[in-house]
């Protein structure tokens, strides 16, 4: 029996989970900022890895300030 953390997700599922566009998931994955792995020609993601990535992003000092490359007014 699988636990929720053992679930493997698709790009579409990760995009829905993070509430971002699929292109954002691809961009973050290819730049190795989002943990994922390829099965054939398609990307897959472990739910536990995505949850860990979210926690790391929330704990990052950059999470408190403006996004890198964005202007503040």
N, C-alpha and C. Protein backbone atom coordinates (compact mmCIF):
# COMPACT_ATOMS: atom_id res chain seq x y z
N UNK A 1 0.84 -1.19 0.00
CA UNK A 1 0.00 0.00 0.00
C UNK A 1 0.88 1.25 0.00
N UNK A 2 0.63 2.14 -0.92
CA UNK A 2 1.42 3.37 -1.03
C UNK A 2 0.94 4.40 -0.01
N UNK A 3 1.91 5.14 0.52
CA UNK A 3 1.54 6.30 1.31
C UNK A 3 1.51 7.50 0.37
N UNK A 4 0.96 8.60 0.82
CA UNK A 4 0.91 9.80 -0.02
C UNK A 4 2.30 10.27 -0.42
N UNK A 5 3.29 10.04 0.45
CA UNK A 5 4.64 10.51 0.17
C UNK A 5 5.34 9.65 -0.88
N UNK A 6 4.87 8.43 -1.11
CA UNK A 6 5.50 7.54 -2.10
C UNK A 6 4.91 7.74 -3.49
N UNK A 7 3.96 8.63 -3.62
CA UNK A 7 3.31 8.86 -4.90
C UNK A 7 4.27 9.53 -5.88
N UNK A 8 4.24 9.05 -7.12
CA UNK A 8 5.02 9.65 -8.20
C UNK A 8 4.05 10.48 -9.04
N UNK A 9 4.43 11.73 -9.28
CA UNK A 9 3.56 12.69 -9.96
C UNK A 9 4.08 13.04 -11.34
N UNK A 10 3.19 13.44 -12.22
CA UNK A 10 3.53 13.92 -13.55
C UNK A 10 3.75 15.43 -13.52
N UNK A 11 4.21 15.98 -14.63
CA UNK A 11 4.38 17.44 -14.74
C UNK A 11 3.05 18.14 -14.49
N UNK A 12 2.01 17.63 -15.10
CA UNK A 12 0.67 18.22 -14.94
C UNK A 12 0.23 18.21 -13.47
N UNK A 13 0.45 17.09 -12.79
CA UNK A 13 0.06 16.99 -11.38
C UNK A 13 0.87 17.92 -10.49
N UNK A 14 2.16 18.04 -10.77
CA UNK A 14 3.01 18.96 -10.00
C UNK A 14 2.57 20.40 -10.24
N UNK A 15 2.28 20.73 -11.48
CA UNK A 15 1.81 22.09 -11.80
C UNK A 15 0.52 22.40 -11.05
N UNK A 16 -0.40 21.46 -11.02
CA UNK A 16 -1.64 21.66 -10.27
C UNK A 16 -1.36 21.79 -8.77
N UNK A 17 -0.50 20.93 -8.26
CA UNK A 17 -0.16 20.92 -6.84
C UNK A 17 0.48 22.25 -6.42
N UNK A 18 1.38 22.78 -7.25
CA UNK A 18 2.06 24.03 -6.93
C UNK A 18 1.29 25.26 -7.40
N UNK A 19 0.24 25.02 -8.17
CA UNK A 19 -0.58 26.10 -8.75
C UNK A 19 0.25 27.03 -9.62
N UNK A 20 1.02 26.39 -10.51
CA UNK A 20 1.83 27.11 -11.49
C UNK A 20 1.57 26.51 -12.87
N UNK A 21 2.09 27.17 -13.87
CA UNK A 21 1.98 26.68 -15.24
C UNK A 21 2.91 25.49 -15.45
N UNK A 22 2.55 24.61 -16.36
CA UNK A 22 3.41 23.46 -16.68
C UNK A 22 4.78 23.91 -17.17
N UNK A 23 4.84 25.00 -17.89
CA UNK A 23 6.13 25.51 -18.38
C UNK A 23 7.05 25.88 -17.22
N UNK A 24 6.47 26.39 -16.14
CA UNK A 24 7.25 26.72 -14.96
C UNK A 24 7.86 25.46 -14.35
N UNK A 25 7.09 24.39 -14.30
CA UNK A 25 7.60 23.11 -13.78
C UNK A 25 8.75 22.63 -14.66
N UNK A 26 8.58 22.65 -15.98
CA UNK A 26 9.65 22.24 -16.88
C UNK A 26 10.90 23.11 -16.68
N UNK A 27 10.71 24.41 -16.63
CA UNK A 27 11.84 25.33 -16.50
C UNK A 27 12.61 25.08 -15.20
N UNK A 28 11.90 24.93 -14.09
CA UNK A 28 12.55 24.68 -12.81
C UNK A 28 13.24 23.32 -12.78
N UNK A 29 12.65 22.34 -13.42
CA UNK A 29 13.22 20.99 -13.44
C UNK A 29 14.48 20.93 -14.29
N UNK A 30 14.42 21.50 -15.49
CA UNK A 30 15.58 21.49 -16.38
C UNK A 30 16.75 22.26 -15.77
N UNK A 31 16.45 23.32 -15.04
CA UNK A 31 17.51 24.09 -14.39
C UNK A 31 17.93 23.47 -13.05
N UNK A 32 17.40 22.30 -12.75
CA UNK A 32 17.71 21.53 -11.54
C UNK A 32 17.35 22.25 -10.24
N UNK A 33 16.37 23.12 -10.30
CA UNK A 33 15.89 23.79 -9.10
C UNK A 33 14.75 23.00 -8.46
N UNK A 34 14.06 22.22 -9.25
CA UNK A 34 12.96 21.37 -8.77
C UNK A 34 13.39 19.92 -8.96
N UNK A 35 13.31 19.10 -7.91
CA UNK A 35 13.78 17.71 -8.02
C UNK A 35 12.84 16.85 -8.86
N UNK A 36 13.40 16.20 -9.86
CA UNK A 36 12.61 15.32 -10.72
C UNK A 36 13.51 14.33 -11.40
N UNK A 37 12.92 13.36 -12.08
CA UNK A 37 13.69 12.37 -12.82
C UNK A 37 12.92 12.00 -14.07
N UNK A 38 13.66 11.52 -15.06
CA UNK A 38 13.05 11.17 -16.33
C UNK A 38 12.74 9.68 -16.39
N UNK A 39 11.58 9.36 -16.93
CA UNK A 39 11.20 8.00 -17.26
C UNK A 39 10.96 8.04 -18.77
N UNK A 40 11.92 7.52 -19.51
CA UNK A 40 11.85 7.67 -20.96
C UNK A 40 12.02 9.13 -21.30
N UNK A 41 11.04 9.68 -21.98
CA UNK A 41 11.10 11.08 -22.39
C UNK A 41 10.27 11.99 -21.49
N UNK A 42 9.68 11.45 -20.44
CA UNK A 42 8.80 12.25 -19.59
C UNK A 42 9.38 12.43 -18.19
N UNK A 43 9.08 13.57 -17.60
CA UNK A 43 9.52 13.86 -16.24
C UNK A 43 8.55 13.30 -15.23
N UNK A 44 9.09 12.84 -14.10
CA UNK A 44 8.30 12.36 -12.97
C UNK A 44 8.88 12.95 -11.70
N UNK A 45 8.05 13.05 -10.67
CA UNK A 45 8.43 13.70 -9.43
C UNK A 45 7.87 12.91 -8.25
N UNK A 46 8.70 12.71 -7.22
CA UNK A 46 8.22 12.07 -6.00
C UNK A 46 7.54 13.15 -5.16
N UNK A 47 6.37 12.82 -4.65
CA UNK A 47 5.62 13.78 -3.83
C UNK A 47 6.43 14.23 -2.63
N UNK A 48 7.15 13.32 -2.00
CA UNK A 48 7.98 13.67 -0.83
C UNK A 48 9.06 14.67 -1.21
N UNK A 49 9.67 14.50 -2.40
CA UNK A 49 10.70 15.44 -2.85
C UNK A 49 10.12 16.83 -3.10
N UNK A 50 8.92 16.87 -3.66
CA UNK A 50 8.27 18.17 -3.92
C UNK A 50 7.92 18.84 -2.59
N UNK A 51 7.41 18.07 -1.64
CA UNK A 51 7.10 18.63 -0.32
C UNK A 51 8.36 19.15 0.37
N UNK A 52 9.47 18.42 0.26
CA UNK A 52 10.74 18.88 0.83
C UNK A 52 11.21 20.16 0.15
N UNK A 53 11.04 20.22 -1.17
CA UNK A 53 11.43 21.41 -1.93
C UNK A 53 10.61 22.62 -1.49
N UNK A 54 9.31 22.42 -1.29
CA UNK A 54 8.44 23.51 -0.81
C UNK A 54 8.92 24.00 0.55
N UNK A 55 9.22 23.09 1.46
CA UNK A 55 9.69 23.46 2.79
C UNK A 55 11.01 24.24 2.71
N UNK A 56 11.90 23.81 1.83
CA UNK A 56 13.18 24.51 1.67
C UNK A 56 12.97 25.91 1.10
N UNK A 57 12.04 26.04 0.17
CA UNK A 57 11.76 27.36 -0.41
C UNK A 57 11.17 28.29 0.63
N UNK A 58 10.32 27.77 1.49
CA UNK A 58 9.69 28.59 2.52
C UNK A 58 10.70 29.02 3.58
N UNK A 59 11.73 28.20 3.81
CA UNK A 59 12.74 28.50 4.82
C UNK A 59 13.87 29.36 4.26
N UNK A 60 13.92 29.52 2.95
CA UNK A 60 14.99 30.28 2.30
C UNK A 60 14.88 31.76 2.64
N UNK A 61 16.03 32.43 2.89
CA UNK A 61 15.99 33.87 3.14
C UNK A 61 15.42 34.65 1.96
N UNK A 62 15.57 34.12 0.74
CA UNK A 62 15.02 34.80 -0.43
C UNK A 62 13.50 34.78 -0.44
N UNK A 63 12.90 33.82 0.25
CA UNK A 63 11.44 33.72 0.28
C UNK A 63 10.82 34.93 0.97
N UNK A 64 11.60 35.59 1.82
CA UNK A 64 11.06 36.73 2.55
C UNK A 64 11.16 38.04 1.78
N UNK A 65 12.08 38.12 0.83
CA UNK A 65 12.30 39.36 0.09
C UNK A 65 11.70 39.25 -1.30
N UNK A 66 11.94 40.27 -2.15
CA UNK A 66 11.43 40.24 -3.51
C UNK A 66 12.12 39.14 -4.32
N UNK A 67 11.42 38.62 -5.30
CA UNK A 67 11.97 37.57 -6.15
C UNK A 67 13.20 38.09 -6.91
N UNK A 68 14.16 37.21 -7.09
CA UNK A 68 15.39 37.59 -7.79
C UNK A 68 15.07 38.06 -9.19
N UNK A 69 15.66 39.16 -9.59
CA UNK A 69 15.45 39.67 -10.94
C UNK A 69 14.20 40.54 -11.08
N UNK A 70 13.44 40.66 -10.05
CA UNK A 70 12.23 41.48 -10.12
C UNK A 70 12.49 42.83 -9.48
N UNK A 71 11.89 43.83 -10.04
CA UNK A 71 12.03 45.17 -9.52
C UNK A 71 11.02 45.41 -8.42
N UNK A 72 11.43 46.19 -7.44
CA UNK A 72 10.51 46.62 -6.40
C UNK A 72 10.23 48.09 -6.59
N UNK A 73 9.08 48.51 -6.17
CA UNK A 73 8.72 49.92 -6.32
C UNK A 73 8.67 50.60 -4.99
